[in-house]
Amino acid sequence: MRLLSYYKIVTSILCLISPLLIGVTSSQAAEHSIYLEWTYHAPPEESIHFFSLYMDDNVVCQTSTPADRSMNCEFEAPNGTYTFYLSAQTDKGESPLSPPFPFTLNATVKSYSLTYRTDGNGSIEGKSSQTIVHGTDGTSVEAIPAVNHHFIQWNDGSMINPRIDSNVTESSVLTAAFSNKYTLNIKLAGDGSGSVTSTLTGVDDCATDCSVDALQDSLVTLTAVASNGYKFMGWSSDQCTGTGPCTIRVEQHLFITAIFEKRFPWGLFRRAISGR
């Protein structure tokens, strides 16, 4: 939003021009935008090239075509009182078209508030309450989890932590969410059949793919049991190896795969060989 101050001024004019200063807007203390409209008919013996807006004898804007009778002039200048006038550049040279008129640029700086907080299971490191000028950046904040908790995300969907909010154009309240649980995901693979049991409630007999939440930093023991006629071949994960029970400390989301295969029918094989 750029409209922070608005002015309407009609200047005293010469007979050939009626310039109307429609408005002045400012987004920051050094940035201003002036919009002008005017009427002008050149004498028959002259051709217009462009119009110029002067501020204290310095050109701040020019029109792009001879037919233009308005301009939106954007420029930077400190707040203060300046003298403006409009001129026309023709094939006979440049001529002022309006008497100089003073105007005071007094922009109001637009600012916003950024508030950082938590869901109660952690704290904010950095400045939790910030006042930010329009279009500028905030300072770094980090969501720090409480003991046995971990950061999930901010309420605006961002998972960046620590974060710096840039190009701020509105006030925001940003809440960090934490959790004291991770998800344990168990997958059964292979051509065989079996199940996985656990010391964790909810995985008493996992005969198909299953998942359950586990408290952060807790110890969980998984045991694979093959069905009759099948064999447990082992675990497939970074946390579990071999074929025995697997004990894991829950410090992240876990993905554990138990592989089962068919047993080779040794009894039938022997009988076929021996003929008995």
Foldseek 3Di string as FASTA:
>chain_A
DFAQDWDWDWADFDPFKGKTFGIKTGAAQFKIKTKIFMGGDDPPVKDWAWKFKDKQNHTQDIDDGRPDRMDITMGTDGWAKIWIWMWTQIPVGIDTGGDIDIDTGGGDWDKAWEAEEEPPFWGKDDDRIDIGTAQAKADWIFTGGHPLKDWDAKPVRHPDGRDIGGRDHYYDYIYTYMDQKAKEKEAEDEPFFWWKDKPDPPRHTGRHTDMDIDGAQDKMKIAIDGDPQKDWPFKDDPQGTDHGIGIDGHHHHHYIYTYMYGDDPVVVVVCVVVVD
